N, C-alpha and C. Protein backbone atom coordinates (compact mmCIF):
# COMPACT_ATOMS: atom_id res chain seq x y z
N UNK A 1 13.62 -3.46 -7.92
CA UNK A 1 12.50 -3.07 -7.00
C UNK A 1 13.02 -3.65 -5.13
N UNK A 2 13.68 -4.82 -5.30
CA UNK A 2 14.21 -5.48 -4.37
C UNK A 2 15.19 -4.66 -3.28
N UNK A 3 15.99 -4.04 -4.34
CA UNK A 3 17.23 -3.07 -3.66
C UNK A 3 16.77 -1.99 -2.99
N UNK A 4 15.17 -1.57 -2.92
CA UNK A 4 14.61 -0.38 -2.44
C UNK A 4 14.61 -0.55 -0.96
N UNK A 5 15.27 0.19 -0.09
CA UNK A 5 14.93 0.33 1.11
C UNK A 5 14.17 1.53 1.32
N UNK A 6 13.12 1.11 2.43
CA UNK A 6 11.79 2.40 2.61
C UNK A 6 12.13 2.27 4.01
N UNK A 7 11.80 3.96 4.66
CA UNK A 7 11.85 4.34 6.01
C UNK A 7 10.36 4.37 6.26
N UNK A 8 9.61 3.36 6.52
CA UNK A 8 8.15 3.39 6.59
C UNK A 8 7.86 4.41 7.74
N UNK A 9 8.01 4.91 8.80
CA UNK A 9 8.12 5.80 9.69
C UNK A 9 8.21 6.78 9.32
N UNK A 10 9.60 7.16 8.27
CA UNK A 10 9.40 8.49 7.83
C UNK A 10 8.50 8.80 6.59
N UNK A 11 8.03 8.14 5.68
CA UNK A 11 6.88 8.28 4.99
C UNK A 11 5.92 8.64 5.74
N UNK A 12 5.19 7.86 6.89
CA UNK A 12 3.79 8.02 7.49
C UNK A 12 4.08 9.49 7.55
N UNK A 13 5.33 10.01 8.45
CA UNK A 13 5.25 11.40 9.15
C UNK A 13 5.35 12.17 7.92
N UNK A 14 5.90 11.98 7.05
CA UNK A 14 5.91 13.08 5.85
C UNK A 14 4.60 13.22 5.45
N UNK A 15 3.81 12.07 5.13
CA UNK A 15 2.06 12.02 4.57
C UNK A 15 1.21 12.67 5.35
N UNK A 16 1.57 12.78 6.83
CA UNK A 16 0.60 12.84 7.75
C UNK A 16 -0.15 11.97 7.94
N UNK A 17 -1.98 12.56 8.20
CA UNK A 17 -2.80 11.77 8.07
C UNK A 17 -3.72 11.11 6.88
N UNK A 18 -3.57 9.89 6.87
CA UNK A 18 -3.83 9.23 5.74
C UNK A 18 -5.05 8.07 5.95
N UNK A 19 -6.22 8.04 5.23
CA UNK A 19 -6.87 7.17 5.64
C UNK A 19 -6.90 5.57 5.72
N UNK A 20 -6.20 5.40 5.16
CA UNK A 20 -5.60 3.93 5.06
C UNK A 20 -4.47 3.40 4.28
N UNK A 21 -3.56 2.65 5.03
CA UNK A 21 -2.10 2.37 4.55
C UNK A 21 -2.19 0.86 4.37
N UNK A 22 -1.73 0.89 3.37
CA UNK A 22 -1.61 -0.58 2.77
C UNK A 22 -0.17 -1.20 2.30
N UNK A 23 0.71 -1.93 3.13
CA UNK A 23 2.07 -2.41 2.84
C UNK A 23 1.77 -3.63 1.84
N UNK A 24 3.15 -3.66 0.99
CA UNK A 24 3.13 -4.11 -0.37
C UNK A 24 3.99 -4.53 -0.82
N UNK A 25 4.21 -5.94 -1.31
CA UNK A 25 5.67 -6.81 -1.41
C UNK A 25 5.91 -6.80 -2.98
N UNK A 26 5.07 -5.60 -4.03
CA UNK A 26 5.61 -5.63 -5.31
C UNK A 26 5.24 -3.80 -5.44
N UNK A 27 5.61 -3.87 -6.70
CA UNK A 27 6.31 -2.38 -6.92
C UNK A 27 4.95 -2.03 -7.99
N UNK A 28 3.81 -3.00 -8.07
CA UNK A 28 2.44 -2.45 -9.00
C UNK A 28 1.53 -3.05 -7.87
N UNK A 29 0.76 -1.82 -7.98
CA UNK A 29 -0.72 -2.33 -6.77
C UNK A 29 -1.57 -1.73 -7.71
N UNK A 30 -2.84 -2.12 -7.53
CA UNK A 30 -4.26 -1.56 -7.81
C UNK A 30 -5.07 -1.07 -6.61
N UNK A 31 -5.74 -0.22 -6.91
CA UNK A 31 -6.97 -0.04 -5.81
C UNK A 31 -8.23 0.35 -6.46
N UNK A 32 -9.10 -0.11 -6.23
CA UNK A 32 -10.65 -0.20 -6.34
C UNK A 32 -11.41 0.40 -5.20
N UNK A 33 -11.05 1.28 -4.20
CA UNK A 33 -11.47 1.68 -3.33
C UNK A 33 -12.00 0.74 -2.38
N UNK A 34 -13.24 0.85 -1.62
CA UNK A 34 -14.11 0.12 -0.58
C UNK A 34 -14.59 -1.23 -1.57
N UNK A 35 -14.50 -1.56 -2.76
CA UNK A 35 -15.64 -2.08 -3.32
C UNK A 35 -16.71 -1.82 -3.17
N UNK A 36 -17.54 -2.51 -4.02
CA UNK A 36 -19.05 -2.52 -4.19
C UNK A 36 -19.41 -0.86 -4.69
N UNK A 37 -20.46 -0.62 -4.45
CA UNK A 37 -21.00 1.04 -4.42
C UNK A 37 -20.17 2.09 -3.78
N UNK A 38 -19.28 1.54 -2.45
CA UNK A 38 -18.40 2.82 -2.24
C UNK A 38 -17.18 2.74 -2.73
N UNK A 39 -16.87 2.24 -3.98
CA UNK A 39 -15.67 1.66 -4.38
C UNK A 39 -15.51 3.02 -5.61
N UNK A 40 -14.25 2.61 -6.38
CA UNK A 40 -14.29 3.98 -7.29
C UNK A 40 -13.26 3.01 -8.59
N UNK A 41 -13.42 3.23 -9.72
CA UNK A 41 -12.81 2.45 -10.70
C UNK A 41 -11.16 1.89 -10.56
N UNK A 42 -11.22 0.61 -10.76
CA UNK A 42 -9.71 0.45 -10.97
C UNK A 42 -8.80 1.06 -11.33
N UNK A 43 -7.99 1.45 -10.17
CA UNK A 43 -6.64 2.12 -10.97
C UNK A 43 -5.26 1.52 -10.75
N UNK A 44 -4.43 1.64 -11.26
CA UNK A 44 -2.92 1.26 -10.90
C UNK A 44 -2.11 2.04 -10.70
N UNK A 45 -1.17 1.47 -9.84
CA UNK A 45 0.29 2.33 -9.92
C UNK A 45 1.12 1.84 -9.39
N UNK A 46 2.50 2.43 -9.78
CA UNK A 46 3.90 1.69 -9.88
C UNK A 46 4.49 2.73 -8.43
N UNK A 47 5.08 1.99 -7.44
CA UNK A 47 5.80 2.39 -6.77
C UNK A 47 7.09 2.55 -7.12
N UNK A 48 7.74 4.01 -6.80
CA UNK A 48 8.81 4.49 -7.47
C UNK A 48 9.49 4.69 -6.41
N UNK A 49 10.88 5.31 -6.61
CA UNK A 49 12.02 5.37 -5.99
C UNK A 49 11.10 5.86 -4.19
N UNK A 50 10.51 6.83 -4.31
CA UNK A 50 10.17 7.12 -2.83
C UNK A 50 9.41 6.18 -1.98
N UNK A 51 9.44 4.87 -2.68
CA UNK A 51 8.97 4.02 -1.81
C UNK A 51 7.30 4.03 -0.98
N UNK A 52 6.44 4.81 -2.04
CA UNK A 52 5.06 4.63 -1.84
C UNK A 52 4.32 5.18 -3.11
N UNK A 53 2.70 4.69 -2.96
CA UNK A 53 2.23 5.48 -4.15
C UNK A 53 0.63 5.59 -3.13
N UNK A 54 0.22 7.07 -3.82
CA UNK A 54 -1.09 7.17 -2.99
C UNK A 54 -2.27 7.15 -4.05
N UNK A 55 -3.18 6.40 -3.94
CA UNK A 55 -4.65 6.41 -4.87
C UNK A 55 -4.72 8.19 -4.91
N UNK A 56 -5.29 7.85 -6.26
CA UNK A 56 -5.64 9.41 -6.55
C UNK A 56 -7.36 9.72 -6.07
N UNK A 57 -8.07 8.65 -6.01
CA UNK A 57 -9.62 8.59 -5.71
C UNK A 57 -9.63 8.89 -3.97
N UNK A 58 -9.39 7.69 -3.42
CA UNK A 58 -9.61 7.35 -1.84
C UNK A 58 -8.20 7.79 -1.17
N UNK A 59 -7.22 7.99 -1.78
CA UNK A 59 -6.52 8.75 -0.71
C UNK A 59 -5.12 7.34 0.05
N UNK A 60 -5.67 6.20 -0.05
CA UNK A 60 -5.44 5.06 0.26
C UNK A 60 -3.79 5.30 0.15
N UNK A 61 -2.75 4.71 0.81
CA UNK A 61 -1.50 4.98 0.46
C UNK A 61 -0.60 3.28 0.45
N UNK A 62 0.01 3.27 -0.37
CA UNK A 62 0.27 1.90 -0.56
C UNK A 62 2.07 2.15 -0.42
N UNK A 63 2.50 1.20 0.59
CA UNK A 63 3.85 1.54 1.22
C UNK A 63 4.80 0.14 0.55
N UNK A 64 5.59 0.06 -0.12
CA UNK A 64 6.64 -0.99 -0.29
C UNK A 64 7.06 -1.70 1.20
N UNK A 65 7.26 -2.53 1.77
CA UNK A 65 7.64 -2.89 2.54
C UNK A 65 7.40 -4.65 2.85
N UNK A 66 8.06 -5.35 1.96
CA UNK A 66 7.68 -6.56 1.77
C UNK A 66 7.83 -7.33 3.27
N UNK A 67 8.51 -6.78 4.12
CA UNK A 67 8.60 -7.61 5.42
C UNK A 67 7.34 -7.39 6.23
N UNK A 68 6.44 -6.57 5.89
CA UNK A 68 5.07 -6.31 6.87
C UNK A 68 3.91 -6.50 5.71
N UNK A 69 4.27 -7.00 4.49
CA UNK A 69 3.07 -7.15 3.85
C UNK A 69 2.40 -8.56 3.91
């Protein structure tokens, strides 16, 4: 994963309007929504060659960008 180069601006332009973007330094991420009663079940995603993963419940986007994490 360390050799993955991601163009953050290109990813954001491709995805359009997303509710939340989180920059991460690991290829494996977890999402449980906002937490508490407003959250959702904890789910795990692996960031692949495209450089991002999008939560299927809350649409939060995780972008692999270690320098911005």
